[in-house]
Amino acid sequence: MHINYNEKDKTIDIKDGLKTQYLMIKALMILNLVNAILNASYISDTGIGLMQIIWIILGITSIVVLYFYFFKKSSQEKIAVKSIEQLTEKTVFGSKRLSLKLTNGKSRDIVYLKTPEQITKVKKILTKIGVTILD
């Protein structure tokens, strides 16, 4: 995980492989949705059975996850400073998670920060360039 501030372009460069992970999740959810549509579309003579109900639930879940990853999450590796609204810090299951809220309504998670020193380093970089930090 590398986070650097590029003063020339006024961008933050984040190299954490999140783009690849999001691409894999999107591909799997699309495959799951296609599978759910194909399996739920088969209705036997007796009507909708338990398997069709399960596939309908899986299809709806895939749609929700796809919406979330396409419209609410970002995996940009180069983020312009002017497009960052704030840094949000959350505690999830006892560990701190950082997320950048962007002006386009999406959020960019900053993952793979293992130690408090790494979190402090990221906060210092963002404070130095003028990003608001919410705890």
N, C-alpha and C. Protein backbone atom coordinates (compact mmCIF):
# COMPACT_ATOMS: atom_id res chain seq x y z
N MET A 1 0.85 -1.18 0.00
CA MET A 1 0.00 0.00 0.00
C MET A 1 0.89 1.23 0.00
N HIS A 2 0.74 2.04 -1.03
CA HIS A 2 1.50 3.27 -1.13
C HIS A 2 0.55 4.43 -1.41
N ILE A 3 0.67 5.47 -0.60
CA ILE A 3 -0.09 6.70 -0.82
C ILE A 3 0.91 7.83 -0.93
N ASN A 4 0.86 8.52 -2.06
CA ASN A 4 1.78 9.64 -2.29
C ASN A 4 1.00 10.83 -2.79
N TYR A 5 1.48 12.01 -2.43
CA TYR A 5 0.90 13.25 -2.92
C TYR A 5 1.77 13.78 -4.05
N ASN A 6 1.17 13.96 -5.21
CA ASN A 6 1.89 14.49 -6.37
C ASN A 6 1.62 15.99 -6.44
N GLU A 7 2.62 16.77 -6.06
CA GLU A 7 2.44 18.23 -6.00
C GLU A 7 2.29 18.84 -7.38
N LYS A 8 2.91 18.26 -8.38
CA LYS A 8 2.83 18.79 -9.74
C LYS A 8 1.40 18.71 -10.29
N ASP A 9 0.77 17.56 -10.15
CA ASP A 9 -0.59 17.37 -10.66
C ASP A 9 -1.66 17.68 -9.63
N LYS A 10 -1.25 17.89 -8.37
CA LYS A 10 -2.17 18.08 -7.25
C LYS A 10 -3.15 16.91 -7.15
N THR A 11 -2.56 15.70 -7.16
CA THR A 11 -3.34 14.48 -7.03
C THR A 11 -2.75 13.59 -5.95
N ILE A 12 -3.58 12.69 -5.47
CA ILE A 12 -3.13 11.67 -4.53
C ILE A 12 -3.07 10.36 -5.30
N ASP A 13 -1.93 9.71 -5.24
CA ASP A 13 -1.75 8.42 -5.90
C ASP A 13 -1.86 7.32 -4.85
N ILE A 14 -2.83 6.43 -5.04
CA ILE A 14 -3.04 5.32 -4.11
C ILE A 14 -2.82 4.03 -4.88
N LYS A 15 -1.86 3.25 -4.44
CA LYS A 15 -1.58 1.97 -5.08
C LYS A 15 -1.84 0.85 -4.08
N ASP A 16 -3.04 0.25 -4.20
CA ASP A 16 -3.41 -0.81 -3.26
C ASP A 16 -4.10 -1.99 -3.92
N GLY A 17 -4.28 -1.95 -5.23
CA GLY A 17 -4.91 -3.07 -5.93
C GLY A 17 -6.42 -3.14 -5.77
N LEU A 18 -7.03 -2.08 -5.29
CA LEU A 18 -8.47 -2.08 -5.05
C LEU A 18 -9.26 -2.14 -6.36
N LYS A 19 -8.71 -1.56 -7.42
CA LYS A 19 -9.39 -1.58 -8.72
C LYS A 19 -9.59 -3.01 -9.21
N THR A 20 -8.58 -3.85 -9.05
CA THR A 20 -8.67 -5.25 -9.46
C THR A 20 -9.69 -6.00 -8.61
N GLN A 21 -9.70 -5.75 -7.32
CA GLN A 21 -10.66 -6.41 -6.43
C GLN A 21 -12.09 -6.02 -6.79
N TYR A 22 -12.33 -4.74 -7.03
CA TYR A 22 -13.68 -4.29 -7.39
C TYR A 22 -14.10 -4.87 -8.74
N LEU A 23 -13.16 -4.98 -9.68
CA LEU A 23 -13.47 -5.57 -10.97
C LEU A 23 -13.88 -7.03 -10.82
N MET A 24 -13.18 -7.76 -9.97
CA MET A 24 -13.52 -9.17 -9.72
C MET A 24 -14.88 -9.30 -9.06
N ILE A 25 -15.17 -8.44 -8.09
CA ILE A 25 -16.47 -8.49 -7.42
C ILE A 25 -17.59 -8.18 -8.40
N LYS A 26 -17.39 -7.17 -9.25
CA LYS A 26 -18.41 -6.81 -10.24
C LYS A 26 -18.63 -7.96 -11.22
N ALA A 27 -17.55 -8.57 -11.69
CA ALA A 27 -17.68 -9.68 -12.63
C ALA A 27 -18.41 -10.86 -12.01
N LEU A 28 -18.08 -11.17 -10.77
CA LEU A 28 -18.75 -12.29 -10.09
C LEU A 28 -20.23 -11.99 -9.84
N MET A 29 -20.55 -10.75 -9.50
CA MET A 29 -21.95 -10.39 -9.26
C MET A 29 -22.76 -10.41 -10.56
N ILE A 30 -22.14 -9.99 -11.67
CA ILE A 30 -22.82 -10.07 -12.96
C ILE A 30 -23.06 -11.52 -13.34
N LEU A 31 -22.05 -12.37 -13.15
CA LEU A 31 -22.20 -13.79 -13.42
C LEU A 31 -23.28 -14.40 -12.53
N ASN A 32 -23.30 -14.02 -11.28
CA ASN A 32 -24.31 -14.50 -10.33
C ASN A 32 -25.70 -14.04 -10.75
N LEU A 33 -25.82 -12.80 -11.22
CA LEU A 33 -27.11 -12.27 -11.66
C LEU A 33 -27.62 -13.01 -12.89
N VAL A 34 -26.74 -13.26 -13.85
CA VAL A 34 -27.13 -14.02 -15.04
C VAL A 34 -27.58 -15.43 -14.65
N ASN A 35 -26.83 -16.05 -13.77
CA ASN A 35 -27.18 -17.38 -13.29
C ASN A 35 -28.53 -17.36 -12.57
N ALA A 36 -28.76 -16.33 -11.77
CA ALA A 36 -30.03 -16.22 -11.04
C ALA A 36 -31.19 -16.03 -12.01
N ILE A 37 -31.00 -15.22 -13.04
CA ILE A 37 -32.07 -14.99 -14.03
C ILE A 37 -32.39 -16.29 -14.76
N LEU A 38 -31.34 -17.01 -15.16
CA LEU A 38 -31.57 -18.27 -15.87
C LEU A 38 -32.26 -19.31 -14.99
N ASN A 39 -31.84 -19.42 -13.76
CA ASN A 39 -32.44 -20.41 -12.86
C ASN A 39 -33.82 -20.02 -12.38
N ALA A 40 -34.05 -18.74 -12.17
CA ALA A 40 -35.37 -18.31 -11.69
C ALA A 40 -36.39 -18.28 -12.82
N SER A 41 -35.93 -18.20 -14.05
CA SER A 41 -36.87 -18.13 -15.17
C SER A 41 -37.52 -19.48 -15.47
N TYR A 42 -36.91 -20.55 -15.00
CA TYR A 42 -37.50 -21.86 -15.19
C TYR A 42 -38.56 -22.09 -14.12
N ILE A 43 -39.80 -22.10 -14.57
CA ILE A 43 -40.91 -22.36 -13.64
C ILE A 43 -41.56 -23.66 -14.08
N SER A 44 -41.61 -24.60 -13.18
CA SER A 44 -42.19 -25.90 -13.51
C SER A 44 -43.71 -25.82 -13.55
N ASP A 45 -44.34 -26.93 -13.88
CA ASP A 45 -45.80 -26.98 -13.96
C ASP A 45 -46.45 -26.74 -12.61
N THR A 46 -45.74 -27.04 -11.54
CA THR A 46 -46.32 -26.89 -10.20
C THR A 46 -46.19 -25.47 -9.66
N GLY A 47 -45.48 -24.60 -10.37
CA GLY A 47 -45.35 -23.21 -9.93
C GLY A 47 -43.95 -22.91 -9.41
N ILE A 48 -43.84 -21.81 -8.72
CA ILE A 48 -42.54 -21.39 -8.19
C ILE A 48 -42.19 -22.24 -6.98
N GLY A 49 -41.01 -22.82 -7.05
CA GLY A 49 -40.55 -23.68 -5.96
C GLY A 49 -39.52 -22.97 -5.09
N LEU A 50 -38.98 -23.72 -4.16
CA LEU A 50 -38.00 -23.19 -3.22
C LEU A 50 -36.73 -22.73 -3.95
N MET A 51 -36.29 -23.50 -4.95
CA MET A 51 -35.07 -23.12 -5.67
C MET A 51 -35.23 -21.81 -6.43
N GLN A 52 -36.39 -21.59 -7.01
CA GLN A 52 -36.63 -20.33 -7.72
C GLN A 52 -36.64 -19.15 -6.75
N ILE A 53 -37.20 -19.35 -5.58
CA ILE A 53 -37.21 -18.29 -4.55
C ILE A 53 -35.78 -17.97 -4.11
N ILE A 54 -34.98 -19.00 -3.92
CA ILE A 54 -33.58 -18.79 -3.52
C ILE A 54 -32.84 -18.02 -4.61
N TRP A 55 -33.04 -18.38 -5.88
CA TRP A 55 -32.36 -17.69 -6.98
C TRP A 55 -32.85 -16.26 -7.13
N ILE A 56 -34.12 -16.01 -6.87
CA ILE A 56 -34.64 -14.64 -6.92
C ILE A 56 -33.98 -13.79 -5.84
N ILE A 57 -33.84 -14.34 -4.66
CA ILE A 57 -33.18 -13.62 -3.55
C ILE A 57 -31.72 -13.35 -3.91
N LEU A 58 -31.03 -14.35 -4.48
CA LEU A 58 -29.64 -14.15 -4.89
C LEU A 58 -29.53 -13.11 -6.00
N GLY A 59 -30.47 -13.10 -6.92
CA GLY A 59 -30.46 -12.10 -7.99
C GLY A 59 -30.66 -10.70 -7.46
N ILE A 60 -31.60 -10.53 -6.53
CA ILE A 60 -31.84 -9.21 -5.93
C ILE A 60 -30.61 -8.75 -5.15
N THR A 61 -29.99 -9.68 -4.43
CA THR A 61 -28.77 -9.35 -3.69
C THR A 61 -27.66 -8.91 -4.65
N SER A 62 -27.53 -9.59 -5.77
CA SER A 62 -26.52 -9.22 -6.77
C SER A 62 -26.78 -7.84 -7.34
N ILE A 63 -28.04 -7.51 -7.58
CA ILE A 63 -28.39 -6.18 -8.10
C ILE A 63 -28.00 -5.10 -7.09
N VAL A 64 -28.29 -5.35 -5.82
CA VAL A 64 -27.96 -4.37 -4.78
C VAL A 64 -26.44 -4.18 -4.69
N VAL A 65 -25.70 -5.27 -4.71
CA VAL A 65 -24.24 -5.18 -4.62
C VAL A 65 -23.68 -4.47 -5.85
N LEU A 66 -24.19 -4.79 -7.03
CA LEU A 66 -23.72 -4.12 -8.25
C LEU A 66 -24.01 -2.62 -8.21
N TYR A 67 -25.19 -2.24 -7.75
CA TYR A 67 -25.52 -0.81 -7.61
C TYR A 67 -24.52 -0.13 -6.68
N PHE A 68 -24.25 -0.77 -5.57
CA PHE A 68 -23.33 -0.23 -4.58
C PHE A 68 -21.95 -0.01 -5.18
N TYR A 69 -21.43 -1.02 -5.89
CA TYR A 69 -20.08 -0.92 -6.43
C TYR A 69 -19.98 -0.03 -7.66
N PHE A 70 -21.05 0.11 -8.44
CA PHE A 70 -21.00 0.97 -9.61
C PHE A 70 -21.25 2.44 -9.27
N PHE A 71 -22.15 2.71 -8.31
CA PHE A 71 -22.58 4.09 -8.08
C PHE A 71 -22.15 4.69 -6.74
N LYS A 72 -21.70 3.89 -5.79
CA LYS A 72 -21.34 4.42 -4.47
C LYS A 72 -19.87 4.26 -4.10
N LYS A 73 -19.17 3.36 -4.75
CA LYS A 73 -17.77 3.11 -4.43
C LYS A 73 -16.89 3.51 -5.60
N SER A 74 -15.69 3.96 -5.29
CA SER A 74 -14.72 4.33 -6.31
C SER A 74 -13.44 3.54 -6.07
N SER A 75 -12.76 3.23 -7.16
CA SER A 75 -11.47 2.55 -7.03
C SER A 75 -10.38 3.32 -7.77
N GLN A 76 -10.57 4.62 -7.91
CA GLN A 76 -9.59 5.46 -8.59
C GLN A 76 -8.23 5.36 -7.91
N GLU A 77 -7.21 5.34 -8.72
CA GLU A 77 -5.86 5.31 -8.16
C GLU A 77 -5.24 6.70 -8.13
N LYS A 78 -5.71 7.59 -9.00
CA LYS A 78 -5.27 8.99 -8.99
C LYS A 78 -6.49 9.85 -8.71
N ILE A 79 -6.46 10.54 -7.59
CA ILE A 79 -7.60 11.35 -7.18
C ILE A 79 -7.14 12.80 -7.06
N ALA A 80 -7.81 13.68 -7.78
CA ALA A 80 -7.49 15.11 -7.69
C ALA A 80 -7.88 15.62 -6.30
N VAL A 81 -7.05 16.46 -5.74
CA VAL A 81 -7.29 16.99 -4.40
C VAL A 81 -8.61 17.77 -4.36
N LYS A 82 -8.92 18.49 -5.43
CA LYS A 82 -10.15 19.28 -5.45
C LYS A 82 -11.41 18.42 -5.48
N SER A 83 -11.28 17.14 -5.80
CA SER A 83 -12.46 16.26 -5.82
C SER A 83 -12.67 15.52 -4.50
N ILE A 84 -11.84 15.81 -3.50
CA ILE A 84 -11.98 15.18 -2.18
C ILE A 84 -12.71 16.14 -1.25
N GLU A 85 -13.82 15.68 -0.69
CA GLU A 85 -14.55 16.50 0.29
C GLU A 85 -13.98 16.33 1.69
N GLN A 86 -13.82 15.06 2.10
CA GLN A 86 -13.36 14.83 3.47
C GLN A 86 -12.84 13.41 3.62
N LEU A 87 -12.13 13.21 4.71
CA LEU A 87 -11.65 11.88 5.10
C LEU A 87 -12.50 11.44 6.28
N THR A 88 -13.05 10.25 6.18
CA THR A 88 -13.88 9.72 7.24
C THR A 88 -13.18 8.53 7.88
N GLU A 89 -13.19 8.49 9.21
CA GLU A 89 -12.59 7.37 9.93
C GLU A 89 -13.70 6.62 10.67
N LYS A 90 -13.77 5.32 10.44
CA LYS A 90 -14.76 4.48 11.10
C LYS A 90 -14.05 3.36 11.83
N THR A 91 -14.67 2.87 12.87
CA THR A 91 -14.16 1.70 13.56
C THR A 91 -15.10 0.54 13.26
N VAL A 92 -14.56 -0.49 12.61
CA VAL A 92 -15.33 -1.67 12.23
C VAL A 92 -14.68 -2.88 12.86
N PHE A 93 -15.42 -3.56 13.72
CA PHE A 93 -14.92 -4.74 14.43
C PHE A 93 -13.60 -4.47 15.13
N GLY A 94 -13.45 -3.31 15.71
CA GLY A 94 -12.27 -2.97 16.48
C GLY A 94 -11.10 -2.41 15.69
N SER A 95 -11.19 -2.39 14.36
CA SER A 95 -10.10 -1.82 13.57
C SER A 95 -10.57 -0.56 12.87
N LYS A 96 -9.65 0.37 12.70
CA LYS A 96 -9.99 1.65 12.08
C LYS A 96 -9.94 1.52 10.57
N ARG A 97 -10.93 2.13 9.91
CA ARG A 97 -10.99 2.15 8.45
C ARG A 97 -11.09 3.59 7.98
N LEU A 98 -10.33 3.93 6.97
CA LEU A 98 -10.36 5.27 6.41
C LEU A 98 -11.04 5.24 5.05
N SER A 99 -11.77 6.31 4.77
CA SER A 99 -12.49 6.42 3.52
C SER A 99 -12.50 7.88 3.08
N LEU A 100 -12.27 8.11 1.80
CA LEU A 100 -12.34 9.46 1.24
C LEU A 100 -13.73 9.67 0.64
N LYS A 101 -14.39 10.73 1.06
CA LYS A 101 -15.66 11.08 0.44
C LYS A 101 -15.36 12.03 -0.70
N LEU A 102 -15.82 11.68 -1.90
CA LEU A 102 -15.51 12.46 -3.09
C LEU A 102 -16.68 13.36 -3.46
N THR A 103 -16.41 14.38 -4.26
CA THR A 103 -17.44 15.35 -4.63
C THR A 103 -18.49 14.75 -5.56
N ASN A 104 -18.20 13.63 -6.23
CA ASN A 104 -19.18 13.02 -7.11
C ASN A 104 -20.15 12.09 -6.38
N GLY A 105 -20.08 12.07 -5.04
CA GLY A 105 -20.99 11.27 -4.23
C GLY A 105 -20.48 9.88 -3.91
N LYS A 106 -19.36 9.51 -4.48
CA LYS A 106 -18.79 8.19 -4.21
C LYS A 106 -17.82 8.28 -3.05
N SER A 107 -17.42 7.12 -2.55
CA SER A 107 -16.40 7.07 -1.51
C SER A 107 -15.28 6.15 -1.98
N ARG A 108 -14.06 6.48 -1.58
CA ARG A 108 -12.89 5.69 -1.93
C ARG A 108 -12.30 5.17 -0.64
N ASP A 109 -12.39 3.85 -0.44
CA ASP A 109 -11.84 3.24 0.76
C ASP A 109 -10.32 3.19 0.66
N ILE A 110 -9.69 3.45 1.78
CA ILE A 110 -8.24 3.31 1.87
C ILE A 110 -8.01 2.07 2.71
N VAL A 111 -7.69 0.98 2.02
CA VAL A 111 -7.56 -0.31 2.69
C VAL A 111 -6.10 -0.66 2.91
N TYR A 112 -5.90 -1.71 3.64
CA TYR A 112 -4.57 -2.26 3.92
C TYR A 112 -3.71 -1.36 4.80
N LEU A 113 -4.33 -0.59 5.66
CA LEU A 113 -3.58 0.16 6.67
C LEU A 113 -3.58 -0.69 7.94
N LYS A 114 -2.45 -1.28 8.25
CA LYS A 114 -2.38 -2.25 9.34
C LYS A 114 -2.06 -1.63 10.69
N THR A 115 -1.18 -0.65 10.69
CA THR A 115 -0.71 -0.11 11.96
C THR A 115 -1.24 1.31 12.18
N PRO A 116 -1.30 1.73 13.44
CA PRO A 116 -1.68 3.11 13.72
C PRO A 116 -0.72 4.13 13.10
N GLU A 117 0.54 3.75 12.92
CA GLU A 117 1.51 4.65 12.31
C GLU A 117 1.15 4.94 10.85
N GLN A 118 0.69 3.91 10.14
CA GLN A 118 0.28 4.11 8.75
C GLN A 118 -0.95 5.01 8.66
N ILE A 119 -1.88 4.83 9.58
CA ILE A 119 -3.08 5.67 9.61
C ILE A 119 -2.70 7.12 9.89
N THR A 120 -1.79 7.32 10.85
CA THR A 120 -1.33 8.66 11.19
C THR A 120 -0.61 9.30 10.00
N LYS A 121 0.19 8.52 9.29
CA LYS A 121 0.91 9.04 8.12
C LYS A 121 -0.07 9.52 7.05
N VAL A 122 -1.11 8.74 6.79
CA VAL A 122 -2.11 9.13 5.78
C VAL A 122 -2.85 10.38 6.23
N LYS A 123 -3.20 10.44 7.51
CA LYS A 123 -3.89 11.63 8.03
C LYS A 123 -3.02 12.88 7.90
N LYS A 124 -1.72 12.75 8.16
CA LYS A 124 -0.80 13.89 8.04
C LYS A 124 -0.71 14.38 6.60
N ILE A 125 -0.62 13.43 5.67
CA ILE A 125 -0.55 13.80 4.24
C ILE A 125 -1.81 14.56 3.84
N LEU A 126 -2.97 14.04 4.23
CA LEU A 126 -4.23 14.67 3.84
C LEU A 126 -4.47 16.00 4.55
N THR A 127 -4.05 16.11 5.80
CA THR A 127 -4.17 17.37 6.52
C THR A 127 -3.27 18.43 5.89
N LYS A 128 -2.10 18.03 5.47
CA LYS A 128 -1.14 18.95 4.85
C LYS A 128 -1.69 19.56 3.56
N ILE A 129 -2.49 18.81 2.83
CA ILE A 129 -3.03 19.34 1.57
C ILE A 129 -4.41 19.98 1.74
N GLY A 130 -4.92 19.96 2.97
CA GLY A 130 -6.16 20.70 3.25
C GLY A 130 -7.45 19.90 3.22
N VAL A 131 -7.37 18.60 3.41
CA VAL A 131 -8.57 17.75 3.43
C VAL A 131 -9.13 17.73 4.85
N THR A 132 -10.43 17.92 4.98
CA THR A 132 -11.10 17.87 6.28
C THR A 132 -11.14 16.42 6.77
N ILE A 133 -10.85 16.22 8.05
CA ILE A 133 -10.86 14.88 8.63
C ILE A 133 -11.98 14.79 9.65
N LEU A 134 -12.87 13.82 9.46
CA LEU A 134 -13.95 13.56 10.41
C LEU A 134 -13.64 12.26 11.14
N ASP A 135 -13.74 12.29 12.46
CA ASP A 135 -13.51 11.07 13.26
C ASP A 135 -14.82 10.40 13.57
